[in-house]
Every structure is written in structure tokens, then in C-alpha cells.
Amino acid sequence: MNAIRFALPFAAAIAAAPGFAADDPLLAEARGVASAIPPKLLTVLQEEIQKGGAEGAIGVCREKAPAMAKAASEQTGWAIRRVSLKNRNPKAVPDAWEEAVLKDFDKRVATGEKPTSLEKGEVVTLDGKKVYRYMKALPTQDLCLQCHGTPDRISPAVQAKLKDLYPNDKAVGYAPAEIRGAITLKKPI
């Protein structure tokens, strides 16, 4: 049910996003790919939390989310991953383009834009080749705050497991609806 509550505002925000050509087929394709993954991840997270609490769900973001992104990449032809300015996973460090987009998302939120509406898609040249890049902000939901919230929201068991698995963790201290990071896609054109 929560996955549906997430997916509907996500889809509506994408449809209303300013500055995008409605007839851009790469943008439409990227949006479709990006919008398919978060609801699936939330469903798996909810199931794991119900089974073993938040500490049991850490493995979902650690192992299952990258596996889901890899499978979606293989299925769609898009390179897909999650990135954050405050990463937990050392593989989630943004490249220069992604970092600039994430910082722009933060500025836009500070001026009143809703995090669910934030996206960017454009053609760039990467290593001499044209590539379509797309990012969609991933705002925190209440569910996320069990592992990414302020210390008073994170149980001692979760804190201990995070410290063990991620000694250099930067991905805490979030409040609801803050930008946790983004899903990022790229595809040669």
C-alpha cells in the first residue's frame, strides 16, 4: 500500500515537471525506468521490516537494491544506480555531473520546490560520446528514517549494525521529505 502511495505522487510529479519536452522519447523512457524501481524497493523493505525489524532490512538496501538496479540495467539497457551527497555505501558516491544535479536539487528544495518533483535529464558528452543522463530525487519517507533519521529515530540495534557494516556512514540525520539521494540513469545515444 505504501508503495502505491509513493508511486502515485511520484508519477504525478513527473508529469507536471517544468522544463521538459513532453515529446522527448529518451526522457519518457528514463522516467519510466526510474519510476519502476523505488516502489519495488519499498515493498521489499516493508516485508523485511515486518519479518525482522529495521536491522533486518539493512541487507535490502545493501544487497537487494543494487541487485535490483543491476537487473533493471540489464533488462532496459540503462546504467542505473543510486547516489547521494551523504552516502552510506562507498559505491554510491556521485560523479561530477550527479553531484552538481544533487546540489541543484537541494537549492531548488530550499526555494520551495517539492522534492518529489525534482528531476533532470539531458544529453551530455562523456568520454567523447553522447550519453543521455537522467536523475530523479529520492526523498526520505517515514520508513527510511528507521535507518537514515536522527539518532533518536534509529534504534540501538540498527545503529550497531550500521556502524559494523558502514564505518564511514554519512547517511544519517535526515528528516521526512528531505532528499536522501537520487536514482541516476545513463544510456549511450
Protein backbone atom coordinates (compact mmCIF):
# COMPACT_ATOMS: atom_id res chain seq x y z
CA MET A 1 0.00 0.00 0.00
CA ASN A 2 2.80 2.44 0.88
CA ALA A 3 4.50 1.61 -2.41
CA ILE A 4 1.32 2.74 -4.17
CA ARG A 5 1.18 5.92 -2.09
CA PHE A 6 4.77 6.58 -3.16
CA ALA A 7 4.28 5.72 -6.83
CA LEU A 8 1.23 7.92 -7.42
CA PRO A 9 2.74 11.23 -6.21
CA PHE A 10 5.96 10.27 -7.97
CA ALA A 11 4.15 9.77 -11.29
CA ALA A 12 2.10 12.96 -10.87
CA ALA A 13 5.21 14.99 -10.05
CA ILE A 14 6.99 13.67 -13.10
CA ALA A 15 4.07 14.54 -15.36
CA ALA A 16 3.99 18.09 -14.03
CA ALA A 17 7.74 18.72 -14.01
CA PRO A 18 8.63 22.02 -15.68
CA GLY A 19 11.25 22.42 -18.35
CA PHE A 20 10.93 19.09 -20.09
CA ALA A 21 9.69 18.44 -23.59
CA ALA A 22 6.70 16.14 -23.31
CA ASP A 23 7.63 14.51 -26.61
CA ASP A 24 11.25 13.66 -25.70
CA PRO A 25 11.33 9.86 -26.07
CA LEU A 26 14.55 9.44 -24.04
CA LEU A 27 13.12 11.46 -21.18
CA ALA A 28 9.92 9.43 -21.22
CA GLU A 29 11.89 6.18 -21.30
CA ALA A 30 14.18 7.29 -18.44
CA ARG A 31 11.20 8.36 -16.35
CA GLY A 32 9.54 5.01 -16.87
CA VAL A 33 12.66 3.09 -15.87
CA ALA A 34 13.35 5.33 -12.85
CA SER A 35 9.77 5.19 -11.60
CA ALA A 36 9.64 1.39 -11.66
CA ILE A 37 12.40 0.73 -9.13
CA PRO A 38 11.56 2.73 -5.94
CA PRO A 39 8.10 1.19 -5.38
CA LYS A 40 9.56 -2.32 -5.72
CA LEU A 41 12.35 -1.48 -3.29
CA LEU A 42 9.88 -0.04 -0.77
CA THR A 43 7.77 -3.19 -0.94
CA VAL A 44 10.80 -5.40 -0.27
CA LEU A 45 11.90 -3.10 2.58
CA GLN A 46 8.47 -3.21 4.20
CA GLU A 47 8.41 -7.01 4.01
CA GLU A 48 11.85 -7.29 5.61
CA ILE A 49 10.98 -4.80 8.36
CA GLN A 50 7.86 -6.81 9.18
CA LYS A 51 9.92 -10.02 9.35
CA GLY A 52 12.97 -8.85 11.28
CA GLY A 53 12.72 -5.20 12.15
CA ALA A 54 14.73 -2.36 10.67
CA GLU A 55 18.07 -4.03 11.41
CA GLY A 56 16.96 -6.99 9.28
CA ALA A 57 16.10 -4.67 6.41
CA ILE A 58 19.57 -3.16 6.15
CA GLY A 59 20.52 -6.00 3.83
CA VAL A 60 17.79 -4.92 1.40
CA CYS A 61 19.49 -1.60 0.71
CA ARG A 62 22.95 -3.18 0.95
CA GLU A 63 22.39 -6.19 -1.32
CA LYS A 64 18.95 -6.34 -2.89
CA ALA A 65 18.73 -2.72 -4.09
CA PRO A 66 21.98 -2.93 -6.09
CA ALA A 67 20.87 -6.32 -7.45
CA MET A 68 17.53 -4.80 -8.47
CA ALA A 69 19.32 -1.91 -10.20
CA LYS A 70 21.66 -4.33 -11.97
CA ALA A 71 18.75 -6.48 -13.18
CA ALA A 72 16.86 -3.40 -14.37
CA SER A 73 20.01 -2.16 -16.12
CA GLU A 74 20.40 -5.46 -17.95
CA GLN A 75 16.71 -5.53 -18.86
CA THR A 76 16.44 -1.91 -20.05
CA GLY A 77 19.87 -1.00 -21.39
CA TRP A 78 20.18 1.91 -18.96
CA ALA A 79 23.03 2.04 -16.43
CA ILE A 80 21.13 2.52 -13.14
CA ARG A 81 22.35 3.28 -9.63
CA ARG A 82 21.57 5.32 -6.55
CA VAL A 83 23.83 8.16 -5.41
CA SER A 84 23.90 10.59 -2.51
CA LEU A 85 25.85 13.57 -1.26
CA LYS A 86 25.77 11.80 2.11
CA ASN A 87 26.47 8.25 1.05
CA ARG A 88 26.36 5.13 3.15
CA ASN A 89 27.62 2.74 0.52
CA PRO A 90 31.05 3.76 -0.82
CA LYS A 91 29.83 2.83 -4.32
CA ALA A 92 27.09 5.48 -4.09
CA VAL A 93 29.42 8.46 -4.47
CA PRO A 94 28.16 10.72 -7.26
CA ASP A 95 30.32 11.63 -10.24
CA ALA A 96 30.75 15.34 -11.07
CA TRP A 97 27.52 15.58 -13.12
CA GLU A 98 25.50 13.75 -10.47
CA GLU A 99 26.98 15.88 -7.68
CA ALA A 100 26.03 19.08 -9.50
CA VAL A 101 22.48 17.81 -10.04
CA LEU A 102 22.11 16.77 -6.38
CA LYS A 103 23.34 20.20 -5.23
CA ASP A 104 20.88 21.83 -7.63
CA PHE A 105 18.09 19.68 -6.18
CA ASP A 106 19.00 20.91 -2.68
CA LYS A 107 18.91 24.55 -3.86
CA ARG A 108 15.54 24.01 -5.52
CA VAL A 109 14.09 22.48 -2.34
CA ALA A 110 15.40 25.47 -0.37
CA THR A 111 13.37 27.76 -2.69
CA GLY A 112 10.19 25.76 -2.07
CA GLU A 113 10.08 23.09 -4.77
CA LYS A 114 8.75 19.74 -3.64
CA PRO A 115 11.41 17.01 -3.53
CA THR A 116 9.11 14.60 -5.36
CA SER A 117 9.11 16.90 -8.40
CA LEU A 118 12.87 17.12 -8.81
CA GLU A 119 14.41 15.55 -11.89
CA LYS A 120 16.93 16.37 -14.58
CA GLY A 121 17.50 14.83 -17.99
CA GLU A 122 19.92 15.92 -20.67
CA VAL A 123 22.29 14.81 -23.39
CA VAL A 124 25.94 15.16 -22.37
CA THR A 125 29.25 14.19 -23.88
CA LEU A 126 31.06 11.60 -21.81
CA ASP A 127 34.43 10.28 -22.93
CA GLY A 128 33.78 11.73 -26.38
CA LYS A 129 30.40 10.00 -26.79
CA LYS A 130 26.85 11.35 -26.50
CA VAL A 131 25.02 9.96 -23.48
CA TYR A 132 21.56 10.68 -22.11
CA ARG A 133 21.66 11.23 -18.36
CA TYR A 134 18.69 11.38 -16.03
CA MET A 135 18.29 11.83 -12.29
CA LYS A 136 15.24 11.74 -10.07
CA ALA A 137 15.41 12.83 -6.42
CA LEU A 138 14.64 10.22 -3.77
CA PRO A 139 13.12 11.98 -0.77
CA THR A 140 13.03 10.24 2.58
CA GLN A 141 9.83 8.65 3.74
CA ASP A 142 8.98 7.71 7.30
CA LEU A 143 10.10 4.15 6.58
CA CYS A 144 13.58 5.41 5.60
CA LEU A 145 14.11 7.24 8.88
CA GLN A 146 14.49 3.99 10.83
CA CYS A 147 17.99 3.76 9.32
CA HIS A 148 18.61 7.27 7.94
CA GLY A 149 16.93 9.50 10.54
CA THR A 150 18.23 11.37 13.54
CA PRO A 151 19.83 9.32 16.35
CA ASP A 152 16.60 9.39 18.37
CA ARG A 153 14.78 7.68 15.45
CA ILE A 154 17.38 4.94 14.92
CA SER A 155 17.30 2.02 17.36
CA PRO A 156 20.50 0.98 19.13
CA ALA A 157 20.43 -2.35 17.23
CA VAL A 158 20.28 -0.54 13.88
CA GLN A 159 23.00 1.89 14.94
CA ALA A 160 25.27 -1.00 15.91
CA LYS A 161 24.68 -2.88 12.66
CA LEU A 162 25.25 0.27 10.59
CA LYS A 163 28.47 1.03 12.44
CA ASP A 164 29.67 -2.53 11.79
CA LEU A 165 28.72 -2.59 8.08
CA TYR A 166 29.43 1.05 7.22
CA PRO A 167 32.15 2.51 9.44
CA ASN A 168 32.26 5.67 7.28
CA ASP A 169 28.49 6.12 7.08
CA LYS A 170 27.32 9.67 6.28
CA ALA A 171 23.69 8.80 5.52
CA VAL A 172 22.00 9.74 8.80
CA GLY A 173 20.33 12.79 10.27
CA TYR A 174 17.52 13.05 7.72
CA ALA A 175 14.01 14.33 8.36
CA PRO A 176 10.88 13.35 6.40
CA ALA A 177 10.81 14.53 2.75
CA GLU A 178 14.49 15.55 2.66
CA ILE A 179 16.44 14.45 -0.37
CA ARG A 180 18.24 11.27 0.61
CA GLY A 181 19.83 10.97 -2.82
CA ALA A 182 18.73 10.18 -6.34
CA ILE A 183 18.27 7.41 -8.80
CA THR A 184 20.57 8.06 -11.73
CA LEU A 185 20.43 6.61 -15.22
CA LYS A 186 22.59 6.92 -18.29
CA LYS A 187 22.48 5.45 -21.75
CA PRO A 188 24.61 5.96 -24.85
CA ILE A 189 22.72 7.52 -27.75
